[in-house]
C-alpha atoms as a PDB file:
ATOM      1  CA  MET A   1     -34.552 134.239  62.004  1.00  0.00           C
ATOM      2  CA  TYR A   2     -34.588 130.442  62.144  1.00  0.00           C
ATOM      3  CA  ARG A   3     -37.837 128.737  61.164  1.00  0.00           C
ATOM      4  CA  CYS A   4     -39.000 125.889  63.351  1.00  0.00           C
ATOM      5  CA  VAL A   5     -41.858 123.438  63.757  1.00  0.00           C
ATOM      6  CA  LEU A   6     -43.206 121.834  66.908  1.00  0.00           C
ATOM      7  CA  LEU A   7     -44.607 118.299  67.194  1.00  0.00           C
ATOM      8  CA  TYR A   8     -46.380 117.166  70.323  1.00  0.00           C
ATOM      9  CA  TYR A   9     -48.741 114.447  71.529  1.00  0.00           C
ATOM     10  CA  PRO A  10     -52.176 114.753  73.183  1.00  0.00           C
ATOM     11  CA  GLY A  11     -51.782 115.430  76.865  1.00  0.00           C
ATOM     12  CA  GLY A  12     -48.162 116.463  76.512  1.00  0.00           C
ATOM     13  CA  GLY A  13     -47.563 119.077  79.185  1.00  0.00           C
ATOM     14  CA  THR A  14     -44.506 120.630  77.574  1.00  0.00           C
ATOM     15  CA  THR A  15     -46.239 122.274  74.625  1.00  0.00           C
ATOM     16  CA  ASN A  16     -46.837 125.600  76.403  1.00  0.00           C
ATOM     17  CA  LEU A  17     -43.323 125.618  77.832  1.00  0.00           C
ATOM     18  CA  LEU A  18     -41.812 125.018  74.395  1.00  0.00           C
ATOM     19  CA  LEU A  19     -44.004 127.702  72.836  1.00  0.00           C
ATOM     20  CA  LYS A  20     -42.964 130.219  75.475  1.00  0.00           C
ATOM     21  CA  CYS A  21     -39.277 129.380  75.029  1.00  0.00           C
ATOM     22  CA  ILE A  22     -39.527 129.654  71.237  1.00  0.00           C
ATOM     23  CA  GLU A  23     -41.231 133.068  71.502  1.00  0.00           C
ATOM     24  CA  ARG A  24     -38.769 134.288  74.108  1.00  0.00           C
ATOM     25  CA  THR A  25     -35.631 133.662  72.046  1.00  0.00           C
ATOM     26  CA  GLY A  26     -36.334 136.332  69.456  1.00  0.00           C
ATOM     27  CA  CYS A  27     -34.467 134.309  66.813  1.00  0.00           C
ATOM     28  CA  LEU A  28     -36.990 131.508  66.207  1.00  0.00           C
ATOM     29  CA  GLU A  29     -40.092 131.749  64.070  1.00  0.00           C
ATOM     30  CA  LEU A  30     -42.675 129.009  64.626  1.00  0.00           C
ATOM     31  CA  ILE A  31     -44.043 128.184  61.161  1.00  0.00           C
ATOM     32  CA  TRP A  32     -46.039 125.073  62.093  1.00  0.00           C
ATOM     33  CA  SER A  33     -47.243 123.410  65.262  1.00  0.00           C
ATOM     34  CA  GLY A  34     -49.357 120.317  65.642  1.00  0.00           C
ATOM     35  CA  LEU A  35     -50.030 116.862  67.002  1.00  0.00           C
ATOM     36  CA  TYR A  36     -48.241 113.845  65.614  1.00  0.00           C
ATOM     37  CA  SER A  37     -51.612 112.677  64.275  1.00  0.00           C
ATOM     38  CA  ASP A  38     -51.789 115.879  62.202  1.00  0.00           C
ATOM     39  CA  LEU A  39     -48.950 114.471  60.095  1.00  0.00           C
ATOM     40  CA  ASN A  40     -51.428 111.943  58.683  1.00  0.00           C
ATOM     41  CA  ARG A  41     -53.272 114.833  57.007  1.00  0.00           C
ATOM     42  CA  ILE A  42     -50.638 117.542  56.661  1.00  0.00           C
ATOM     43  CA  PRO A  43     -46.972 116.691  56.184  1.00  0.00           C
ATOM     44  CA  LEU A  44     -44.331 118.774  57.912  1.00  0.00           C
ATOM     45  CA  PRO A  45     -43.538 121.888  55.896  1.00  0.00           C
ATOM     46  CA  PRO A  46     -40.679 120.954  53.558  1.00  0.00           C
ATOM     47  CA  ALA A  47     -37.311 122.622  53.240  1.00  0.00           C
ATOM     48  CA  GLU A  48     -38.391 125.989  54.619  1.00  0.00           C
ATOM     49  CA  ARG A  49     -37.921 124.733  58.180  1.00  0.00           C
ATOM     50  CA  ASP A  50     -34.568 124.910  59.925  1.00  0.00           C
ATOM     51  CA  LEU A  51     -35.287 123.057  63.162  1.00  0.00           C
ATOM     52  CA  VAL A  52     -37.850 120.598  64.530  1.00  0.00           C
ATOM     53  CA  PHE A  53     -38.836 120.441  68.185  1.00  0.00           C
ATOM     54  CA  ALA A  54     -40.585 117.206  69.176  1.00  0.00           C
ATOM     55  CA  SER A  55     -42.072 116.374  72.542  1.00  0.00           C
ATOM     56  CA  LEU A  56     -41.971 112.622  73.170  1.00  0.00           C
ATOM     57  CA  PRO A  57     -44.368 110.489  75.217  1.00  0.00           C
ATOM     58  CA  ALA A  58     -43.263 107.427  77.219  1.00  0.00           C
ATOM     59  CA  PRO A  59     -40.620 105.352  75.403  1.00  0.00           C
ATOM     60  CA  ASP A  60     -43.010 102.403  75.008  1.00  0.00           C
ATOM     61  CA  HIS A  61     -45.934 104.533  73.770  1.00  0.00           C
ATOM     62  CA  PRO A  62     -47.335 103.173  70.474  1.00  0.00           C
ATOM     63  CA  LEU A  63     -47.269 106.683  68.997  1.00  0.00           C
ATOM     64  CA  LEU A  64     -43.501 106.504  68.683  1.00  0.00           C
ATOM     65  CA  GLU A  65     -43.499 103.432  66.446  1.00  0.00           C
ATOM     66  CA  GLY A  66     -45.733 105.193  63.924  1.00  0.00           C
ATOM     67  CA  TYR A  67     -43.604 108.340  63.689  1.00  0.00           C
ATOM     68  CA  TRP A  68     -40.120 107.079  64.468  1.00  0.00           C
ATOM     69  CA  GLN A  69     -39.001 107.197  60.824  1.00  0.00           C
ATOM     70  CA  GLU A  70     -40.364 110.719  60.415  1.00  0.00           C
ATOM     71  CA  LEU A  71     -38.386 111.919  63.416  1.00  0.00           C
ATOM     72  CA  ARG A  72     -35.212 110.117  62.323  1.00  0.00           C
ATOM     73  CA  ALA A  73     -35.448 111.844  58.928  1.00  0.00           C
ATOM     74  CA  GLN A  74     -35.176 115.319  60.474  1.00  0.00           C
ATOM     75  CA  LYS A  75     -31.778 116.867  59.937  1.00  0.00           C
ATOM     76  CA  TYR A  76     -31.966 119.188  62.969  1.00  0.00           C
ATOM     77  CA  LEU A  77     -34.092 117.843  65.790  1.00  0.00           C
ATOM     78  CA  VAL A  78     -34.459 118.851  69.445  1.00  0.00           C
ATOM     79  CA  LEU A  79     -36.337 116.333  71.576  1.00  0.00           C
ATOM     80  CA  THR A  80     -38.054 116.800  74.916  1.00  0.00           C
ATOM     81  CA  SER A  81     -39.529 114.205  77.245  1.00  0.00           C
ATOM     82  CA  PRO A  82     -40.202 113.653  80.944  1.00  0.00           C
ATOM     83  CA  TYR A  83     -38.199 110.421  80.506  1.00  0.00           C
ATOM     84  CA  PRO A  84     -34.375 110.336  80.252  1.00  0.00           C
ATOM     85  CA  GLU A  85     -32.671 110.326  76.874  1.00  0.00           C
ATOM     86  CA  LYS A  86     -31.104 106.901  77.382  1.00  0.00           C
ATOM     87  CA  LEU A  87     -34.560 105.309  77.087  1.00  0.00           C
ATOM     88  CA  PHE A  88     -34.934 106.609  73.512  1.00  0.00           C
ATOM     89  CA  VAL A  89     -31.570 105.612  72.038  1.00  0.00           C
ATOM     90  CA  ARG A  90     -32.006 103.850  68.694  1.00  0.00           C
ATOM     91  CA  ASP A  91     -29.810 103.188  65.674  1.00  0.00           C
ATOM     92  CA  GLY A  92     -29.457 106.203  63.438  1.00  0.00           C
ATOM     93  CA  TRP A  93     -30.888 108.519  66.074  1.00  0.00           C
ATOM     94  CA  HIS A  94     -28.890 111.739  66.354  1.00  0.00           C
ATOM     95  CA  PRO A  95     -30.890 114.625  67.781  1.00  0.00           C
ATOM     96  CA  VAL A  96     -29.084 117.950  68.120  1.00  0.00           C
ATOM     97  CA  ALA A  97     -30.203 118.123  71.750  1.00  0.00           C
ATOM     98  CA  PHE A  98     -32.415 116.358  74.279  1.00  0.00           C
ATOM     99  CA  LEU A  99     -34.200 118.236  77.061  1.00  0.00           C
ATOM    100  CA  THR A 100     -35.569 116.319  80.011  1.00  0.00           C
ATOM    101  CA  GLU A 101     -38.809 117.884  81.222  1.00  0.00           C
ATOM    102  CA  PRO A 102     -39.283 120.104  83.019  1.00  0.00           C
ATOM    103  CA  PHE A 103     -36.450 122.202  81.651  1.00  0.00           C
ATOM    104  CA  SER A 104     -35.446 125.792  82.223  1.00  0.00           C
ATOM    105  CA  PHE A 105     -35.117 128.541  79.640  1.00  0.00           C
ATOM    106  CA  ASP A 106     -31.339 128.368  80.147  1.00  0.00           C
ATOM    107  CA  GLN A 107     -31.391 124.677  79.211  1.00  0.00           C
ATOM    108  CA  PHE A 108     -33.529 125.519  76.175  1.00  0.00           C
ATOM    109  CA  GLN A 109     -30.981 128.167  75.158  1.00  0.00           C
ATOM    110  CA  GLN A 110     -28.168 125.600  75.515  1.00  0.00           C
ATOM    111  CA  ALA A 111     -30.069 123.253  73.175  1.00  0.00           C
ATOM    112  CA  LEU A 112     -30.539 126.104  70.726  1.00  0.00           C
ATOM    113  CA  GLN A 113     -26.819 126.872  70.945  1.00  0.00           C
ATOM    114  CA  GLN A 114     -26.041 123.214  70.153  1.00  0.00           C
ATOM    115  CA  TYR A 115     -28.145 123.610  67.015  1.00  0.00           C
ATOM    116  CA  LEU A 116     -26.353 126.827  66.053  1.00  0.00           C
ATOM    117  CA  ASP A 117     -22.965 125.203  66.644  1.00  0.00           C
ATOM    118  CA  SER A 118     -23.946 122.266  64.427  1.00  0.00           C
ATOM    119  CA  ILE A 119     -24.807 124.465  61.448  1.00  0.00           C
ATOM    120  CA  LEU A 120     -21.716 126.651  61.599  1.00  0.00           C
END
């Protein structure tokens, strides 16, 4: 079982899709889920997490500036957004996978496989 956390923003429509995909895999355990703003009160669980899923708002959304460093610090990160990946490219940014919303369960599994390949 791989332990994961999920970060999302208010109004993000992908949260339910991500939750369903995580549950459906059978190999992921969601240990924490919350809004980016929750990080102001409760930090991400430390080393007991294996993978972070983060749903991103528009590339110019002010939310990203406040949490960019937190996301960059994640060793294994899968990003989702309704906007293409090229709009989020920044120095030092190396997510394991990027899913453009809406995505299928097969695409989610491919992202999970990229994570598994990166740890082996």
